[in-house]
Amino acid sequence: MVNFLTSILQATLQLYSFFMSSSAYSVRIALNLKGLSYEYKAVNLFRNEQHRPEYLKVNPIGFVPSLKDGDFMLADSFAIIMYLEEKYPQHPLLPRDLKKKAINYQAASIVTSSIQPLIRLPILGYIGRNVGQDEKISWVHKNVGKGFAALEKLLKDHAGKYATGDELFLADVFLEPIINASQRYDFDMSEFPLLSRLSVAYQQVPAFQAAMPENQPDAPAF
């Protein structure tokens, strides 16, 4: 894990992150897999720091993560990871095989477009305040379950040690953070044996371990 600790003095990359954000978690994994050092800039979503004027200058939509590379600023986890993939070719996150590449794109898209947007804090807060806390949990279970069922079917014929074989690619970078996030809501993984097996494998990888929410500088001490 030491190899993936950030060096503020040497870093040219700055990552605006929140320890619990699954989107930021994905970017942290990508940075670690590529061996890139970065300065961690904490944005506390519980304190609504993402809506402060100084952060809105960084990311006008008020989400995390955001990445600063020199004088270039970029937001959105998928866009950030694709930027890193183009600029820093070490440890490619996309396979050369066209069909396997397409499966990686599809798996990442299921996470970023069909699961994550539906369980963001603003959505869950609105449901909890206006409908009820029980309905909030039901909403999470329904939408996570739908997405995980699709991922389980998609990856069934492609998985090896990891999502699309024995190397870590884009799909893996997005899968573990959303599986991790689902456990905050006591989501039952028993119907998803493939995703469960992959999650166990990810937790053995140093780049993933260093990116875990509990290992971030803004994670609360327990």
C-alpha atoms as a PDB file:
ATOM      1  CA  MET A   1       0.000   0.000   0.000  1.00  0.00           C
ATOM      2  CA  VAL A   2       2.948   2.308   0.674  1.00  0.00           C
ATOM      3  CA  ASN A   3       3.704   2.491  -3.050  1.00  0.00           C
ATOM      4  CA  PHE A   4       0.354   4.160  -3.640  1.00  0.00           C
ATOM      5  CA  LEU A   5       0.502   6.842  -0.939  1.00  0.00           C
ATOM      6  CA  THR A   6       0.349  10.325  -2.394  1.00  0.00           C
ATOM      7  CA  SER A   7       3.268  12.717  -2.315  1.00  0.00           C
ATOM      8  CA  ILE A   8       2.067  16.309  -2.115  1.00  0.00           C
ATOM      9  CA  LEU A   9       5.501  17.709  -2.908  1.00  0.00           C
ATOM     10  CA  GLN A  10       5.920  15.642  -6.071  1.00  0.00           C
ATOM     11  CA  ALA A  11       2.347  15.392  -7.263  1.00  0.00           C
ATOM     12  CA  THR A  12       1.227  17.270 -10.339  1.00  0.00           C
ATOM     13  CA  LEU A  13      -2.281  15.783 -10.124  1.00  0.00           C
ATOM     14  CA  GLN A  14      -4.862  16.949  -7.620  1.00  0.00           C
ATOM     15  CA  LEU A  15      -7.926  14.820  -6.943  1.00  0.00           C
ATOM     16  CA  TYR A  16     -10.980  16.424  -5.334  1.00  0.00           C
ATOM     17  CA  SER A  17     -12.513  13.495  -3.538  1.00  0.00           C
ATOM     18  CA  PHE A  18     -14.785  12.320  -0.738  1.00  0.00           C
ATOM     19  CA  PHE A  19     -13.900   9.076   0.977  1.00  0.00           C
ATOM     20  CA  MET A  20     -17.405   7.571   0.605  1.00  0.00           C
ATOM     21  CA  SER A  21     -17.970   8.555  -3.032  1.00  0.00           C
ATOM     22  CA  SER A  22     -18.008   5.464  -5.240  1.00  0.00           C
ATOM     23  CA  SER A  23     -17.211   7.634  -8.267  1.00  0.00           C
ATOM     24  CA  ALA A  24     -14.138   9.082  -6.573  1.00  0.00           C
ATOM     25  CA  TYR A  25     -13.216   5.569  -5.410  1.00  0.00           C
ATOM     26  CA  SER A  26     -13.063   4.467  -9.063  1.00  0.00           C
ATOM     27  CA  VAL A  27     -10.726   7.305  -9.979  1.00  0.00           C
ATOM     28  CA  ARG A  28      -8.488   6.515  -7.011  1.00  0.00           C
ATOM     29  CA  ILE A  29      -8.213   2.908  -8.211  1.00  0.00           C
ATOM     30  CA  ALA A  30      -7.329   4.039 -11.745  1.00  0.00           C
ATOM     31  CA  LEU A  31      -4.664   6.424 -10.451  1.00  0.00           C
ATOM     32  CA  ASN A  32      -3.190   3.692  -8.260  1.00  0.00           C
ATOM     33  CA  LEU A  33      -3.176   1.072 -11.014  1.00  0.00           C
ATOM     34  CA  LYS A  34      -1.289   3.510 -13.225  1.00  0.00           C
ATOM     35  CA  GLY A  35       1.147   4.320 -10.429  1.00  0.00           C
ATOM     36  CA  LEU A  36       0.321   8.027 -10.481  1.00  0.00           C
ATOM     37  CA  SER A  37       0.921  10.138  -7.395  1.00  0.00           C
ATOM     38  CA  TYR A  38      -1.624  12.805  -6.583  1.00  0.00           C
ATOM     39  CA  GLU A  39      -2.592  15.316  -3.957  1.00  0.00           C
ATOM     40  CA  TYR A  40      -5.830  14.442  -2.176  1.00  0.00           C
ATOM     41  CA  LYS A  41      -8.198  17.409  -1.850  1.00  0.00           C
ATOM     42  CA  ALA A  42     -11.048  16.444   0.468  1.00  0.00           C
ATOM     43  CA  VAL A  43     -14.565  17.721  -0.270  1.00  0.00           C
ATOM     44  CA  ASN A  44     -16.957  16.837   2.565  1.00  0.00           C
ATOM     45  CA  LEU A  45     -20.331  16.034   1.028  1.00  0.00           C
ATOM     46  CA  PHE A  46     -21.968  15.708   4.441  1.00  0.00           C
ATOM     47  CA  ARG A  47     -21.101  19.359   5.103  1.00  0.00           C
ATOM     48  CA  ASN A  48     -22.224  20.416   1.616  1.00  0.00           C
ATOM     49  CA  GLU A  49     -18.736  21.614   0.725  1.00  0.00           C
ATOM     50  CA  GLN A  50     -19.458  20.632  -2.888  1.00  0.00           C
ATOM     51  CA  HIS A  51     -21.858  23.591  -3.065  1.00  0.00           C
ATOM     52  CA  ARG A  52     -19.437  26.200  -1.779  1.00  0.00           C
ATOM     53  CA  PRO A  53     -18.517  28.917  -4.299  1.00  0.00           C
ATOM     54  CA  GLU A  54     -14.833  27.996  -4.276  1.00  0.00           C
ATOM     55  CA  TYR A  55     -15.606  24.388  -5.234  1.00  0.00           C
ATOM     56  CA  LEU A  56     -18.195  25.349  -7.838  1.00  0.00           C
ATOM     57  CA  LYS A  57     -15.373  27.161  -9.613  1.00  0.00           C
ATOM     58  CA  VAL A  58     -13.661  23.773  -9.820  1.00  0.00           C
ATOM     59  CA  ASN A  59     -16.761  21.797 -10.794  1.00  0.00           C
ATOM     60  CA  PRO A  60     -19.891  23.859 -11.581  1.00  0.00           C
ATOM     61  CA  ILE A  61     -22.260  20.916 -11.162  1.00  0.00           C
ATOM     62  CA  GLY A  62     -21.080  20.398  -7.588  1.00  0.00           C
ATOM     63  CA  PHE A  63     -20.165  16.705  -7.689  1.00  0.00           C
ATOM     64  CA  VAL A  64     -17.019  14.752  -6.891  1.00  0.00           C
ATOM     65  CA  PRO A  65     -14.618  13.702  -8.197  1.00  0.00           C
ATOM     66  CA  SER A  66     -12.754  16.419 -10.033  1.00  0.00           C
ATOM     67  CA  LEU A  67      -9.176  16.192 -11.256  1.00  0.00           C
ATOM     68  CA  LYS A  68      -6.671  18.978 -11.787  1.00  0.00           C
ATOM     69  CA  ASP A  69      -3.700  18.203 -14.010  1.00  0.00           C
ATOM     70  CA  GLY A  70      -1.507  21.286 -14.079  1.00  0.00           C
ATOM     71  CA  ASP A  71      -3.786  24.042 -15.345  1.00  0.00           C
ATOM     72  CA  PHE A  72      -6.338  21.585 -16.764  1.00  0.00           C
ATOM     73  CA  MET A  73      -9.474  20.805 -14.764  1.00  0.00           C
ATOM     74  CA  LEU A  74     -11.791  17.874 -15.477  1.00  0.00           C
ATOM     75  CA  ALA A  75     -14.855  16.430 -13.743  1.00  0.00           C
ATOM     76  CA  ASP A  76     -16.888  13.188 -13.975  1.00  0.00           C
ATOM     77  CA  SER A  77     -15.304   9.854 -13.094  1.00  0.00           C
ATOM     78  CA  PHE A  78     -15.673   8.291 -16.542  1.00  0.00           C
ATOM     79  CA  ALA A  79     -14.210  11.331 -18.313  1.00  0.00           C
ATOM     80  CA  ILE A  80     -11.359  11.525 -15.806  1.00  0.00           C
ATOM     81  CA  ILE A  81     -10.457   7.867 -16.200  1.00  0.00           C
ATOM     82  CA  MET A  82     -10.556   8.076 -19.997  1.00  0.00           C
ATOM     83  CA  TYR A  83      -8.300  11.132 -19.821  1.00  0.00           C
ATOM     84  CA  LEU A  84      -5.852   9.251 -17.601  1.00  0.00           C
ATOM     85  CA  GLU A  85      -5.988   6.291 -19.987  1.00  0.00           C
ATOM     86  CA  GLU A  86      -5.044   8.470 -22.957  1.00  0.00           C
ATOM     87  CA  LYS A  87      -2.356  10.525 -21.245  1.00  0.00           C
ATOM     88  CA  TYR A  88      -0.768   7.878 -19.034  1.00  0.00           C
ATOM     89  CA  PRO A  89      -0.587   4.604 -20.999  1.00  0.00           C
ATOM     90  CA  GLN A  90       1.050   2.531 -18.258  1.00  0.00           C
ATOM     91  CA  HIS A  91      -1.233  -0.301 -17.108  1.00  0.00           C
ATOM     92  CA  PRO A  92      -3.858   0.052 -19.858  1.00  0.00           C
ATOM     93  CA  LEU A  93      -7.406  -0.015 -18.539  1.00  0.00           C
ATOM     94  CA  LEU A  94      -8.856  -1.141 -21.861  1.00  0.00           C
ATOM     95  CA  PRO A  95      -7.976  -4.420 -23.577  1.00  0.00           C
ATOM     96  CA  ARG A  96      -6.919  -4.463 -27.213  1.00  0.00           C
ATOM     97  CA  ASP A  97      -9.566  -7.007 -28.175  1.00  0.00           C
ATOM     98  CA  LEU A  98     -12.499  -5.026 -29.587  1.00  0.00           C
ATOM     99  CA  LYS A  99     -15.247  -7.214 -28.132  1.00  0.00           C
ATOM    100  CA  LYS A 100     -13.647  -7.383 -24.690  1.00  0.00           C
ATOM    101  CA  LYS A 101     -13.189  -3.614 -24.789  1.00  0.00           C
ATOM    102  CA  ALA A 102     -16.890  -3.189 -25.582  1.00  0.00           C
ATOM    103  CA  ILE A 103     -17.858  -5.368 -22.597  1.00  0.00           C
ATOM    104  CA  ASN A 104     -15.725  -3.173 -20.359  1.00  0.00           C
ATOM    105  CA  TYR A 105     -17.444  -0.061 -21.677  1.00  0.00           C
ATOM    106  CA  GLN A 106     -20.859  -1.637 -21.174  1.00  0.00           C
ATOM    107  CA  ALA A 107     -20.146  -2.736 -17.595  1.00  0.00           C
ATOM    108  CA  ALA A 108     -18.773   0.688 -16.696  1.00  0.00           C
ATOM    109  CA  SER A 109     -21.803   2.350 -18.281  1.00  0.00           C
ATOM    110  CA  ILE A 110     -24.248   0.211 -16.299  1.00  0.00           C
ATOM    111  CA  VAL A 111     -22.573   1.422 -13.115  1.00  0.00           C
ATOM    112  CA  THR A 112     -22.218   5.077 -14.062  1.00  0.00           C
ATOM    113  CA  SER A 113     -25.553   5.588 -15.823  1.00  0.00           C
ATOM    114  CA  SER A 114     -27.951   3.030 -14.345  1.00  0.00           C
ATOM    115  CA  ILE A 115     -26.870   2.609 -10.710  1.00  0.00           C
ATOM    116  CA  GLN A 116     -24.787   5.479  -9.352  1.00  0.00           C
ATOM    117  CA  PRO A 117     -27.093   8.358 -10.422  1.00  0.00           C
ATOM    118  CA  LEU A 118     -30.041   6.709  -8.683  1.00  0.00           C
ATOM    119  CA  ILE A 119     -28.340   6.313  -5.312  1.00  0.00           C
ATOM    120  CA  ARG A 120     -26.553   9.636  -5.007  1.00  0.00           C
ATOM    121  CA  LEU A 121     -26.877  11.409  -1.671  1.00  0.00           C
ATOM    122  CA  PRO A 122     -29.209  14.168  -3.008  1.00  0.00           C
ATOM    123  CA  ILE A 123     -31.630  11.571  -4.404  1.00  0.00           C
ATOM    124  CA  LEU A 124     -31.631   9.490  -1.238  1.00  0.00           C
ATOM    125  CA  GLY A 125     -31.968  12.577   0.928  1.00  0.00           C
ATOM    126  CA  TYR A 126     -35.001  13.710  -1.059  1.00  0.00           C
ATOM    127  CA  ILE A 127     -36.662  10.300  -0.773  1.00  0.00           C
ATOM    128  CA  GLY A 128     -35.913  10.081   2.931  1.00  0.00           C
ATOM    129  CA  ARG A 129     -37.344  13.539   3.658  1.00  0.00           C
ATOM    130  CA  ASN A 130     -40.397  13.387   1.413  1.00  0.00           C
ATOM    131  CA  VAL A 131     -41.324   9.721   1.265  1.00  0.00           C
ATOM    132  CA  GLY A 132     -39.669   7.944   4.186  1.00  0.00           C
ATOM    133  CA  GLN A 133     -36.494   6.253   5.371  1.00  0.00           C
ATOM    134  CA  ASP A 134     -37.834   2.740   4.700  1.00  0.00           C
ATOM    135  CA  GLU A 135     -38.666   3.704   1.133  1.00  0.00           C
ATOM    136  CA  LYS A 136     -35.157   5.070   0.709  1.00  0.00           C
ATOM    137  CA  ILE A 137     -33.652   1.679   1.492  1.00  0.00           C
ATOM    138  CA  SER A 138     -36.185  -0.055  -0.757  1.00  0.00           C
ATOM    139  CA  TRP A 139     -35.230   2.330  -3.567  1.00  0.00           C
ATOM    140  CA  VAL A 140     -31.540   1.476  -3.164  1.00  0.00           C
ATOM    141  CA  HIS A 141     -32.183  -2.265  -3.078  1.00  0.00           C
ATOM    142  CA  LYS A 142     -34.424  -2.137  -6.147  1.00  0.00           C
ATOM    143  CA  ASN A 143     -32.062  -0.125  -8.329  1.00  0.00           C
ATOM    144  CA  VAL A 144     -28.845  -1.757  -7.182  1.00  0.00           C
ATOM    145  CA  GLY A 145     -30.446  -5.165  -7.635  1.00  0.00           C
ATOM    146  CA  LYS A 146     -31.542  -4.348 -11.181  1.00  0.00           C
ATOM    147  CA  GLY A 147     -28.061  -3.127 -12.103  1.00  0.00           C
ATOM    148  CA  PHE A 148     -26.271  -6.029 -10.451  1.00  0.00           C
ATOM    149  CA  ALA A 149     -28.534  -8.543 -12.203  1.00  0.00           C
ATOM    150  CA  ALA A 150     -27.570  -6.996 -15.540  1.00  0.00           C
ATOM    151  CA  LEU A 151     -23.864  -7.063 -14.639  1.00  0.00           C
ATOM    152  CA  GLU A 152     -24.038 -10.668 -13.469  1.00  0.00           C
ATOM    153  CA  LYS A 153     -25.539 -11.728 -16.823  1.00  0.00           C
ATOM    154  CA  LEU A 154     -23.210  -9.541 -18.880  1.00  0.00           C
ATOM    155  CA  LEU A 155     -20.008 -10.830 -17.299  1.00  0.00           C
ATOM    156  CA  LYS A 156     -20.993 -14.494 -16.944  1.00  0.00           C
ATOM    157  CA  ASP A 157     -19.251 -15.575 -20.138  1.00  0.00           C
ATOM    158  CA  HIS A 158     -16.322 -13.162 -19.907  1.00  0.00           C
ATOM    159  CA  ALA A 159     -15.048 -13.267 -16.333  1.00  0.00           C
ATOM    160  CA  GLY A 160     -11.822 -14.903 -15.281  1.00  0.00           C
ATOM    161  CA  LYS A 161     -10.016 -13.911 -12.123  1.00  0.00           C
ATOM    162  CA  TYR A 162     -11.483 -10.463 -12.761  1.00  0.00           C
ATOM    163  CA  ALA A 163     -14.473  -9.099 -14.683  1.00  0.00           C
ATOM    164  CA  THR A 164     -13.275  -9.735 -18.244  1.00  0.00           C
ATOM    165  CA  GLY A 165     -10.392 -12.123 -17.790  1.00  0.00           C
ATOM    166  CA  ASP A 166      -7.275 -12.370 -15.659  1.00  0.00           C
ATOM    167  CA  GLU A 167      -6.215  -8.726 -15.979  1.00  0.00           C
ATOM    168  CA  LEU A 168      -7.672  -5.661 -14.300  1.00  0.00           C
ATOM    169  CA  PHE A 169      -9.495  -3.373 -16.695  1.00  0.00           C
ATOM    170  CA  LEU A 170     -12.092  -0.599 -16.770  1.00  0.00           C
ATOM    171  CA  ALA A 171     -15.016  -2.765 -15.637  1.00  0.00           C
ATOM    172  CA  ASP A 172     -13.136  -3.749 -12.485  1.00  0.00           C
ATOM    173  CA  VAL A 173     -12.360  -0.126 -11.667  1.00  0.00           C
ATOM    174  CA  PHE A 174     -16.088   0.635 -11.518  1.00  0.00           C
ATOM    175  CA  LEU A 175     -17.402  -2.623 -10.077  1.00  0.00           C
ATOM    176  CA  GLU A 176     -15.719  -2.754  -6.676  1.00  0.00           C
ATOM    177  CA  PRO A 177     -16.726   0.792  -5.609  1.00  0.00           C
ATOM    178  CA  ILE A 178     -20.417   0.198  -6.354  1.00  0.00           C
ATOM    179  CA  ILE A 179     -20.380  -3.198  -4.619  1.00  0.00           C
ATOM    180  CA  ASN A 180     -18.732  -1.536  -1.623  1.00  0.00           C
ATOM    181  CA  ALA A 181     -21.333   1.249  -1.620  1.00  0.00           C
ATOM    182  CA  SER A 182     -24.215  -1.239  -1.684  1.00  0.00           C
ATOM    183  CA  GLN A 183     -23.100  -2.703   1.630  1.00  0.00           C
ATOM    184  CA  ARG A 184     -23.898   0.540   3.448  1.00  0.00           C
ATOM    185  CA  TYR A 185     -27.536  -0.312   2.827  1.00  0.00           C
ATOM    186  CA  ASP A 186     -27.344  -3.975   3.870  1.00  0.00           C
ATOM    187  CA  PHE A 187     -27.768  -5.122   0.290  1.00  0.00           C
ATOM    188  CA  ASP A 188     -27.944  -8.916   0.015  1.00  0.00           C
ATOM    189  CA  MET A 189     -25.277 -10.179  -2.403  1.00  0.00           C
ATOM    190  CA  SER A 190     -26.316 -13.840  -2.202  1.00  0.00           C
ATOM    191  CA  GLU A 191     -28.050 -13.678  -5.595  1.00  0.00           C
ATOM    192  CA  PHE A 192     -24.889 -12.377  -7.268  1.00  0.00           C
ATOM    193  CA  PRO A 193     -22.166 -15.010  -6.818  1.00  0.00           C
ATOM    194  CA  LEU A 194     -19.989 -13.715  -9.645  1.00  0.00           C
ATOM    195  CA  LEU A 195     -19.926 -10.135  -8.375  1.00  0.00           C
ATOM    196  CA  SER A 196     -19.308 -11.415  -4.848  1.00  0.00           C
ATOM    197  CA  ARG A 197     -16.341 -13.486  -6.023  1.00  0.00           C
ATOM    198  CA  LEU A 198     -14.901 -10.562  -7.952  1.00  0.00           C
ATOM    199  CA  SER A 199     -15.199  -8.285  -4.935  1.00  0.00           C
ATOM    200  CA  VAL A 200     -13.169 -10.721  -2.835  1.00  0.00           C
ATOM    201  CA  ALA A 201     -10.488 -10.789  -5.544  1.00  0.00           C
ATOM    202  CA  TYR A 202     -10.357  -6.988  -5.750  1.00  0.00           C
ATOM    203  CA  GLN A 203      -9.801  -6.674  -2.027  1.00  0.00           C
ATOM    204  CA  GLN A 204      -6.521  -8.555  -2.396  1.00  0.00           C
ATOM    205  CA  VAL A 205      -5.079  -6.033  -4.899  1.00  0.00           C
ATOM    206  CA  PRO A 206      -2.872  -3.299  -3.362  1.00  0.00           C
ATOM    207  CA  ALA A 207      -4.132  -0.616  -5.784  1.00  0.00           C
ATOM    208  CA  PHE A 208      -7.685  -1.343  -4.667  1.00  0.00           C
ATOM    209  CA  GLN A 209      -6.761  -1.589  -0.989  1.00  0.00           C
ATOM    210  CA  ALA A 210      -5.126   1.847  -1.037  1.00  0.00           C
ATOM    211  CA  ALA A 211      -8.236   3.328  -2.681  1.00  0.00           C
ATOM    212  CA  MET A 212     -10.702   1.926  -0.140  1.00  0.00           C
ATOM    213  CA  PRO A 213     -12.868   4.525   1.642  1.00  0.00           C
ATOM    214  CA  GLU A 214     -11.481   3.707   5.073  1.00  0.00           C
ATOM    215  CA  ASN A 215      -7.924   4.331   3.867  1.00  0.00           C
ATOM    216  CA  GLN A 216      -8.508   7.917   2.712  1.00  0.00           C
ATOM    217  CA  PRO A 217      -7.222  10.939   4.635  1.00  0.00           C
ATOM    218  CA  ASP A 218     -10.748  12.300   5.149  1.00  0.00           C
ATOM    219  CA  ALA A 219     -12.170   9.030   6.484  1.00  0.00           C
ATOM    220  CA  PRO A 220     -13.273   9.362  10.110  1.00  0.00           C
ATOM    221  CA  ALA A 221     -11.290   7.465  12.727  1.00  0.00           C
ATOM    222  CA  PHE A 222     -13.231   4.804  14.579  1.00  0.00           C
END
